[in-house]
All heavy atoms as atom14 arrays in JSON, in Angstrom:
{
  "sequence": "GEPAAGEARVRHEAVGLNFIDTYHRSGLYPLPLPSGLG",
  "atom14_mask": [
    [1, 1, 1, 1, 0, 0, 0, 0, 0, 0, 0, 0, 0, 0],
    [1, 1, 1, 1, 1, 1, 1, 1, 1, 0, 0, 0, 0, 0],
    [1, 1, 1, 1, 1, 1, 1, 0, 0, 0, 0, 0, 0, 0],
    [1, 1, 1, 1, 1, 0, 0, 0, 0, 0, 0, 0, 0, 0],
    [1, 1, 1, 1, 1, 0, 0, 0, 0, 0, 0, 0, 0, 0],
    [1, 1, 1, 1, 0, 0, 0, 0, 0, 0, 0, 0, 0, 0],
    [1, 1, 1, 1, 1, 1, 1, 1, 1, 0, 0, 0, 0, 0],
    [1, 1, 1, 1, 1, 0, 0, 0, 0, 0, 0, 0, 0, 0],
    [1, 1, 1, 1, 1, 1, 1, 1, 1, 1, 1, 0, 0, 0],
    [1, 1, 1, 1, 1, 1, 1, 0, 0, 0, 0, 0, 0, 0],
    [1, 1, 1, 1, 1, 1, 1, 1, 1, 1, 1, 0, 0, 0],
    [1, 1, 1, 1, 1, 1, 1, 1, 1, 1, 0, 0, 0, 0],
    [1, 1, 1, 1, 1, 1, 1, 1, 1, 0, 0, 0, 0, 0],
    [1, 1, 1, 1, 1, 0, 0, 0, 0, 0, 0, 0, 0, 0],
    [1, 1, 1, 1, 1, 1, 1, 0, 0, 0, 0, 0, 0, 0],
    [1, 1, 1, 1, 0, 0, 0, 0, 0, 0, 0, 0, 0, 0],
    [1, 1, 1, 1, 1, 1, 1, 1, 0, 0, 0, 0, 0, 0],
    [1, 1, 1, 1, 1, 1, 1, 1, 0, 0, 0, 0, 0, 0],
    [1, 1, 1, 1, 1, 1, 1, 1, 1, 1, 1, 0, 0, 0],
    [1, 1, 1, 1, 1, 1, 1, 1, 0, 0, 0, 0, 0, 0],
    [1, 1, 1, 1, 1, 1, 1, 1, 0, 0, 0, 0, 0, 0],
    [1, 1, 1, 1, 1, 1, 1, 0, 0, 0, 0, 0, 0, 0],
    [1, 1, 1, 1, 1, 1, 1, 1, 1, 1, 1, 1, 0, 0],
    [1, 1, 1, 1, 1, 1, 1, 1, 1, 1, 0, 0, 0, 0],
    [1, 1, 1, 1, 1, 1, 1, 1, 1, 1, 1, 0, 0, 0],
    [1, 1, 1, 1, 1, 1, 0, 0, 0, 0, 0, 0, 0, 0],
    [1, 1, 1, 1, 0, 0, 0, 0, 0, 0, 0, 0, 0, 0],
    [1, 1, 1, 1, 1, 1, 1, 1, 0, 0, 0, 0, 0, 0],
    [1, 1, 1, 1, 1, 1, 1, 1, 1, 1, 1, 1, 0, 0],
    [1, 1, 1, 1, 1, 1, 1, 0, 0, 0, 0, 0, 0, 0],
    [1, 1, 1, 1, 1, 1, 1, 1, 0, 0, 0, 0, 0, 0],
    [1, 1, 1, 1, 1, 1, 1, 0, 0, 0, 0, 0, 0, 0],
    [1, 1, 1, 1, 1, 1, 1, 1, 0, 0, 0, 0, 0, 0],
    [1, 1, 1, 1, 1, 1, 1, 0, 0, 0, 0, 0, 0, 0],
    [1, 1, 1, 1, 1, 1, 0, 0, 0, 0, 0, 0, 0, 0],
    [1, 1, 1, 1, 0, 0, 0, 0, 0, 0, 0, 0, 0, 0],
    [1, 1, 1, 1, 1, 1, 1, 1, 0, 0, 0, 0, 0, 0],
    [1, 1, 1, 1, 0, 0, 0, 0, 0, 0, 0, 0, 0, 0]
  ],
  "atom14_positions": [
    [[-122.56, 138.24, 142.62], [-123.75, 137.52, 143.06], [-123.89, 136.14, 142.46], [-122.97, 135.6, 141.84], [0.0, 0.0, 0.0], [0.0, 0.0, 0.0], [0.0, 0.0, 0.0], [0.0, 0.0, 0.0], [0.0, 0.0, 0.0], [0.0, 0.0, 0.0], [0.0, 0.0, 0.0], [0.0, 0.0, 0.0], [0.0, 0.0, 0.0], [0.0, 0.0, 0.0]],
    [[-125.08, 135.57, 142.63], [-125.35, 134.23, 142.13], [-125.8, 134.27, 140.67], [-126.41, 135.24, 140.23], [-126.44, 133.57, 142.99], [-126.03, 133.32, 144.42], [-124.82, 132.43, 144.53], [-124.77, 131.41, 143.83], [-123.9, 132.76, 145.32], [0.0, 0.0, 0.0], [0.0, 0.0, 0.0], [0.0, 0.0, 0.0], [0.0, 0.0, 0.0], [0.0, 0.0, 0.0]],
    [[-125.49, 133.24, 139.9], [-125.92, 133.22, 138.5], [-127.43, 133.11, 138.37], [-128.08, 132.37, 139.12], [-125.23, 131.97, 137.93], [-124.95, 131.11, 139.13], [-124.71, 132.04, 140.27], [0.0, 0.0, 0.0], [0.0, 0.0, 0.0], [0.0, 0.0, 0.0], [0.0, 0.0, 0.0], [0.0, 0.0, 0.0], [0.0, 0.0, 0.0], [0.0, 0.0, 0.0]],
    [[-128.0, 133.85, 137.44], [-129.43, 133.79, 137.15], [-129.72, 132.52, 136.34], [-128.82, 131.76, 135.97], [-129.85, 135.02, 136.38], [0.0, 0.0, 0.0], [0.0, 0.0, 0.0], [0.0, 0.0, 0.0], [0.0, 0.0, 0.0], [0.0, 0.0, 0.0], [0.0, 0.0, 0.0], [0.0, 0.0, 0.0], [0.0, 0.0, 0.0], [0.0, 0.0, 0.0]],
    [[-130.99, 132.29, 136.09], [-131.38, 131.14, 135.28], [-130.67, 131.19, 133.93], [-130.64, 132.24, 133.27], [-132.89, 131.13, 135.08], [0.0, 0.0, 0.0], [0.0, 0.0, 0.0], [0.0, 0.0, 0.0], [0.0, 0.0, 0.0], [0.0, 0.0, 0.0], [0.0, 0.0, 0.0], [0.0, 0.0, 0.0], [0.0, 0.0, 0.0], [0.0, 0.0, 0.0]],
    [[-130.09, 130.07, 133.52], [-129.4, 129.99, 132.24], [-127.97, 130.52, 132.27], [-127.31, 130.51, 131.24], [0.0, 0.0, 0.0], [0.0, 0.0, 0.0], [0.0, 0.0, 0.0], [0.0, 0.0, 0.0], [0.0, 0.0, 0.0], [0.0, 0.0, 0.0], [0.0, 0.0, 0.0], [0.0, 0.0, 0.0], [0.0, 0.0, 0.0], [0.0, 0.0, 0.0]],
    [[-127.51, 130.96, 133.44], [-126.16, 131.52, 133.54], [-125.22, 130.6, 134.32], [-125.66, 129.68, 135.01], [-126.2, 132.87, 134.25], [-126.82, 134.0, 133.44], [-126.67, 135.33, 134.15], [-126.48, 135.36, 135.39], [-126.74, 136.37, 133.46], [0.0, 0.0, 0.0], [0.0, 0.0, 0.0], [0.0, 0.0, 0.0], [0.0, 0.0, 0.0], [0.0, 0.0, 0.0]],
    [[-123.92, 130.91, 134.21], [-122.9, 130.27, 135.02], [-121.98, 131.36, 135.57], [-121.75, 132.37, 134.9], [-122.09, 129.26, 134.21], [0.0, 0.0, 0.0], [0.0, 0.0, 0.0], [0.0, 0.0, 0.0], [0.0, 0.0, 0.0], [0.0, 0.0, 0.0], [0.0, 0.0, 0.0], [0.0, 0.0, 0.0], [0.0, 0.0, 0.0], [0.0, 0.0, 0.0]],
    [[-121.48, 131.16, 136.78], [-120.49, 132.07, 137.34], [-119.12, 131.46, 137.15], [-118.88, 130.31, 137.55], [-120.76, 132.35, 138.81], [-119.86, 133.47, 139.38], [-120.21, 133.83, 140.81], [-119.81, 132.79, 141.75], [-120.63, 132.24, 142.64], [-121.9, 132.61, 142.72], [-120.17, 131.3, 143.46], [0.0, 0.0, 0.0], [0.0, 0.0, 0.0], [0.0, 0.0, 0.0]],
    [[-118.21, 132.22, 136.54], [-116.88, 131.74, 136.19], [-115.83, 132.58, 136.89], [-115.88, 133.82, 136.86], [-116.66, 131.8, 134.66], [-115.24, 131.38, 134.3], [-117.68, 130.92, 133.94], [0.0, 0.0, 0.0], [0.0, 0.0, 0.0], [0.0, 0.0, 0.0], [0.0, 0.0, 0.0], [0.0, 0.0, 0.0], [0.0, 0.0, 0.0], [0.0, 0.0, 0.0]],
    [[-114.86, 131.91, 137.52], [-113.68, 132.59, 138.05], [-112.57, 132.47, 137.02], [-112.13, 131.37, 136.68], [-113.24, 131.98, 139.38], [-111.98, 132.65, 139.97], [-111.72, 132.26, 141.4], [-112.76, 132.77, 142.3], [-112.78, 134.0, 142.81], [-111.81, 134.87, 142.49], [-113.75, 134.36, 143.61], [0.0, 0.0, 0.0], [0.0, 0.0, 0.0], [0.0, 0.0, 0.0]],
    [[-112.14, 133.6, 136.49], [-111.15, 133.61, 135.41], [-109.76, 133.22, 135.91], [-109.3, 133.69, 136.96], [-111.06, 134.99, 134.78], [-112.23, 135.35, 133.93], [-112.89, 136.56, 134.02], [-112.88, 134.65, 132.95], [-113.87, 136.59, 133.14], [-113.9, 135.45, 132.49], [0.0, 0.0, 0.0], [0.0, 0.0, 0.0], [0.0, 0.0, 0.0], [0.0, 0.0, 0.0]],
    [[-109.1, 132.38, 135.14], [-107.69, 132.1, 135.31], [-106.84, 132.96, 134.37], [-105.69, 133.27, 134.68], [-107.41, 130.62, 135.05], [-108.08, 129.67, 136.03], [-107.47, 129.74, 137.42], [-106.29, 130.12, 137.52], [-108.17, 129.42, 138.39], [0.0, 0.0, 0.0], [0.0, 0.0, 0.0], [0.0, 0.0, 0.0], [0.0, 0.0, 0.0], [0.0, 0.0, 0.0]],
    [[-107.41, 133.34, 133.24], [-106.73, 134.2, 132.28], [-107.79, 134.83, 131.37], [-108.87, 134.27, 131.16], [-105.72, 133.42, 131.45], [0.0, 0.0, 0.0], [0.0, 0.0, 0.0], [0.0, 0.0, 0.0], [0.0, 0.0, 0.0], [0.0, 0.0, 0.0], [0.0, 0.0, 0.0], [0.0, 0.0, 0.0], [0.0, 0.0, 0.0], [0.0, 0.0, 0.0]],
    [[-107.45, 136.01, 130.84], [-108.36, 136.76, 129.97], [-107.58, 137.16, 128.72], [-106.38, 137.46, 128.8], [-108.88, 138.02, 130.71], [-109.68, 138.92, 129.77], [-109.7, 137.62, 131.92], [0.0, 0.0, 0.0], [0.0, 0.0, 0.0], [0.0, 0.0, 0.0], [0.0, 0.0, 0.0], [0.0, 0.0, 0.0], [0.0, 0.0, 0.0], [0.0, 0.0, 0.0]],
    [[-108.25, 137.19, 127.58], [-107.59, 137.56, 126.34], [-107.66, 139.04, 126.05], [-108.59, 139.74, 126.47], [0.0, 0.0, 0.0], [0.0, 0.0, 0.0], [0.0, 0.0, 0.0], [0.0, 0.0, 0.0], [0.0, 0.0, 0.0], [0.0, 0.0, 0.0], [0.0, 0.0, 0.0], [0.0, 0.0, 0.0], [0.0, 0.0, 0.0], [0.0, 0.0, 0.0]],
    [[-106.65, 139.55, 125.35], [-106.59, 140.93, 124.88], [-106.72, 140.93, 123.37], [-106.01, 140.19, 122.68], [-105.26, 141.57, 125.28], [-105.0, 142.98, 124.74], [-105.85, 144.0, 125.47], [-103.52, 143.35, 124.85], [0.0, 0.0, 0.0], [0.0, 0.0, 0.0], [0.0, 0.0, 0.0], [0.0, 0.0, 0.0], [0.0, 0.0, 0.0], [0.0, 0.0, 0.0]],
    [[-107.62, 141.78, 122.85], [-107.85, 141.84, 121.41], [-108.03, 143.28, 120.95], [-108.44, 144.15, 121.73], [-109.11, 141.03, 121.05], [-108.94, 139.57, 121.36], [-108.32, 138.83, 120.59], [-109.47, 139.12, 122.48], [0.0, 0.0, 0.0], [0.0, 0.0, 0.0], [0.0, 0.0, 0.0], [0.0, 0.0, 0.0], [0.0, 0.0, 0.0], [0.0, 0.0, 0.0]],
    [[-107.76, 143.52, 119.68], [-107.84, 144.88, 119.16], [-109.24, 145.45, 119.27], [-109.44, 146.65, 119.48], [-107.36, 144.94, 117.71], [-106.55, 146.18, 117.42], [-105.17, 146.14, 117.41], [-107.17, 147.4, 117.19], [-104.42, 147.29, 117.18], [-106.43, 148.54, 116.96], [-105.05, 148.49, 116.95], [0.0, 0.0, 0.0], [0.0, 0.0, 0.0], [0.0, 0.0, 0.0]],
    [[-110.25, 144.59, 119.17], [-111.62, 145.07, 119.28], [-111.88, 145.7, 120.64], [-112.73, 146.59, 120.78], [-112.63, 143.93, 118.99], [-114.04, 144.5, 118.82], [-112.59, 142.88, 120.09], [-115.07, 143.46, 118.39], [0.0, 0.0, 0.0], [0.0, 0.0, 0.0], [0.0, 0.0, 0.0], [0.0, 0.0, 0.0], [0.0, 0.0, 0.0], [0.0, 0.0, 0.0]],
    [[-111.12, 145.29, 121.66], [-111.28, 145.9, 122.99], [-110.96, 147.39, 122.93], [-111.59, 148.2, 123.64], [-110.34, 145.23, 124.0], [-110.56, 143.73, 124.12], [-111.6, 143.24, 123.66], [-109.67, 143.05, 124.68], [0.0, 0.0, 0.0], [0.0, 0.0, 0.0], [0.0, 0.0, 0.0], [0.0, 0.0, 0.0], [0.0, 0.0, 0.0], [0.0, 0.0, 0.0]],
    [[-109.99, 147.77, 122.11], [-109.65, 149.19, 121.99], [-110.75, 149.96, 121.27], [-110.95, 151.15, 121.54], [-108.31, 149.39, 121.25], [-108.44, 149.05, 119.86], [-107.22, 148.53, 121.88], [0.0, 0.0, 0.0], [0.0, 0.0, 0.0], [0.0, 0.0, 0.0], [0.0, 0.0, 0.0], [0.0, 0.0, 0.0], [0.0, 0.0, 0.0], [0.0, 0.0, 0.0]],
    [[-111.46, 149.29, 120.36], [-112.59, 149.95, 119.68], [-113.73, 150.21, 120.67], [-114.39, 151.25, 120.62], [-113.11, 149.08, 118.54], [-112.12, 148.78, 117.44], [-112.31, 147.68, 116.6], [-110.99, 149.57, 117.22], [-111.41, 147.38, 115.59], [-110.09, 149.28, 116.2], [-110.31, 148.19, 115.39], [-109.43, 147.9, 114.39], [0.0, 0.0, 0.0], [0.0, 0.0, 0.0]],
    [[-113.98, 149.25, 121.55], [-115.01, 149.45, 122.58], [-114.61, 150.56, 123.54], [-115.43, 151.42, 123.9], [-115.23, 148.15, 123.36], [-115.96, 147.11, 122.59], [-115.72, 145.76, 122.74], [-116.93, 147.2, 121.65], [-116.5, 145.07, 121.93], [-117.25, 145.91, 121.26], [0.0, 0.0, 0.0], [0.0, 0.0, 0.0], [0.0, 0.0, 0.0], [0.0, 0.0, 0.0]],
    [[-113.33, 150.56, 123.95], [-112.86, 151.57, 124.89], [-112.92, 152.97, 124.31], [-113.28, 153.94, 124.97], [-111.43, 151.23, 125.3], [-110.83, 152.12, 126.39], [-109.33, 152.21, 126.25], [-108.94, 153.0, 125.1], [-108.02, 152.66, 124.2], [-107.37, 151.51, 124.3], [-107.73, 153.47, 123.18], [0.0, 0.0, 0.0], [0.0, 0.0, 0.0], [0.0, 0.0, 0.0]],
    [[-112.55, 153.1, 123.03], [-112.48, 154.42, 122.4], [-113.84, 154.95, 121.97], [-113.98, 156.16, 121.74], [-111.57, 154.37, 121.17], [-112.17, 153.6, 120.14], [0.0, 0.0, 0.0], [0.0, 0.0, 0.0], [0.0, 0.0, 0.0], [0.0, 0.0, 0.0], [0.0, 0.0, 0.0], [0.0, 0.0, 0.0], [0.0, 0.0, 0.0], [0.0, 0.0, 0.0]],
    [[-114.81, 154.06, 121.84], [-116.12, 154.47, 121.37], [-116.36, 154.24, 119.9], [-117.45, 154.52, 119.38], [0.0, 0.0, 0.0], [0.0, 0.0, 0.0], [0.0, 0.0, 0.0], [0.0, 0.0, 0.0], [0.0, 0.0, 0.0], [0.0, 0.0, 0.0], [0.0, 0.0, 0.0], [0.0, 0.0, 0.0], [0.0, 0.0, 0.0], [0.0, 0.0, 0.0]],
    [[-115.34, 153.72, 119.18], [-115.54, 153.41, 117.76], [-116.67, 152.4, 117.59], [-117.48, 152.51, 116.68], [-114.24, 152.87, 117.16], [-114.29, 152.49, 115.68], [-114.59, 153.7, 114.8], [-112.98, 151.83, 115.24], [0.0, 0.0, 0.0], [0.0, 0.0, 0.0], [0.0, 0.0, 0.0], [0.0, 0.0, 0.0], [0.0, 0.0, 0.0], [0.0, 0.0, 0.0]],
    [[-116.7, 151.4, 118.5], [-117.82, 150.48, 118.58], [-118.54, 150.81, 119.89], [-118.12, 150.38, 120.95], [-117.36, 149.03, 118.61], [-116.71, 148.51, 117.33], [-116.19, 147.23, 117.29], [-116.62, 149.29, 116.19], [-115.59, 146.73, 116.14], [-116.03, 148.8, 115.03], [-115.51, 147.52, 115.01], [-114.92, 147.04, 113.87], [0.0, 0.0, 0.0], [0.0, 0.0, 0.0]],
    [[-119.62, 151.59, 119.84], [-120.24, 152.12, 121.08], [-120.83, 151.02, 121.97], [-121.39, 150.03, 121.49], [-121.34, 153.04, 120.54], [-120.95, 153.37, 119.14], [-120.26, 152.14, 118.63], [0.0, 0.0, 0.0], [0.0, 0.0, 0.0], [0.0, 0.0, 0.0], [0.0, 0.0, 0.0], [0.0, 0.0, 0.0], [0.0, 0.0, 0.0], [0.0, 0.0, 0.0]],
    [[-120.69, 151.23, 123.27], [-121.29, 150.38, 124.3], [-122.11, 151.27, 125.23], [-121.77, 152.42, 125.46], [-120.21, 149.67, 125.13], [-119.29, 148.67, 124.44], [-118.18, 148.25, 125.4], [-120.09, 147.45, 123.97], [0.0, 0.0, 0.0], [0.0, 0.0, 0.0], [0.0, 0.0, 0.0], [0.0, 0.0, 0.0], [0.0, 0.0, 0.0], [0.0, 0.0, 0.0]],
    [[-123.19, 150.73, 125.82], [-123.87, 151.48, 126.88], [-122.92, 151.66, 128.06], [-122.22, 150.72, 128.46], [-125.05, 150.56, 127.25], [-125.2, 149.62, 126.11], [-123.84, 149.44, 125.53], [0.0, 0.0, 0.0], [0.0, 0.0, 0.0], [0.0, 0.0, 0.0], [0.0, 0.0, 0.0], [0.0, 0.0, 0.0], [0.0, 0.0, 0.0], [0.0, 0.0, 0.0]],
    [[-122.88, 152.86, 128.61], [-121.96, 153.16, 129.71], [-122.7, 153.34, 131.03], [-123.84, 153.79, 131.05], [-121.18, 154.44, 129.37], [-120.28, 154.36, 128.14], [-119.64, 155.72, 127.86], [-119.2, 153.3, 128.31], [0.0, 0.0, 0.0], [0.0, 0.0, 0.0], [0.0, 0.0, 0.0], [0.0, 0.0, 0.0], [0.0, 0.0, 0.0], [0.0, 0.0, 0.0]],
    [[-122.04, 153.02, 132.15], [-120.7, 152.43, 132.26], [-120.7, 150.99, 131.77], [-121.74, 150.35, 131.68], [-120.41, 152.52, 133.75], [-121.76, 152.46, 134.39], [-122.68, 153.2, 133.48], [0.0, 0.0, 0.0], [0.0, 0.0, 0.0], [0.0, 0.0, 0.0], [0.0, 0.0, 0.0], [0.0, 0.0, 0.0], [0.0, 0.0, 0.0], [0.0, 0.0, 0.0]],
    [[-119.5, 150.49, 131.47], [-119.41, 149.16, 130.88], [-118.11, 148.48, 131.29], [-117.11, 149.13, 131.6], [-119.46, 149.25, 129.35], [-119.29, 147.98, 128.74], [0.0, 0.0, 0.0], [0.0, 0.0, 0.0], [0.0, 0.0, 0.0], [0.0, 0.0, 0.0], [0.0, 0.0, 0.0], [0.0, 0.0, 0.0], [0.0, 0.0, 0.0], [0.0, 0.0, 0.0]],
    [[-118.14, 147.16, 131.25], [-116.92, 146.39, 131.3], [-116.31, 146.32, 129.92], [-116.83, 146.88, 128.95], [0.0, 0.0, 0.0], [0.0, 0.0, 0.0], [0.0, 0.0, 0.0], [0.0, 0.0, 0.0], [0.0, 0.0, 0.0], [0.0, 0.0, 0.0], [0.0, 0.0, 0.0], [0.0, 0.0, 0.0], [0.0, 0.0, 0.0], [0.0, 0.0, 0.0]],
    [[-115.19, 145.61, 129.8], [-114.51, 145.4, 128.52], [-114.06, 143.95, 128.43], [-113.99, 143.24, 129.43], [-113.3, 146.32, 128.4], [-113.54, 147.82, 128.24], [-112.21, 148.57, 128.33], [-114.24, 148.13, 126.94], [0.0, 0.0, 0.0], [0.0, 0.0, 0.0], [0.0, 0.0, 0.0], [0.0, 0.0, 0.0], [0.0, 0.0, 0.0], [0.0, 0.0, 0.0]],
    [[-113.72, 143.53, 127.23], [-113.16, 142.19, 127.05], [-114.18, 141.18, 126.58], [-115.32, 141.16, 127.05], [0.0, 0.0, 0.0], [0.0, 0.0, 0.0], [0.0, 0.0, 0.0], [0.0, 0.0, 0.0], [0.0, 0.0, 0.0], [0.0, 0.0, 0.0], [0.0, 0.0, 0.0], [0.0, 0.0, 0.0], [0.0, 0.0, 0.0], [0.0, 0.0, 0.0]]
  ]
}
């Protein structure tokens, strides 16, 4: 959708991979579900 006030919509050319992503995925660092990652 369209960006809300104070937001920008970005089309990614590349995304980074980091070890913290595995902590989010595994639940070591809990996120509200369902969730994106990265």
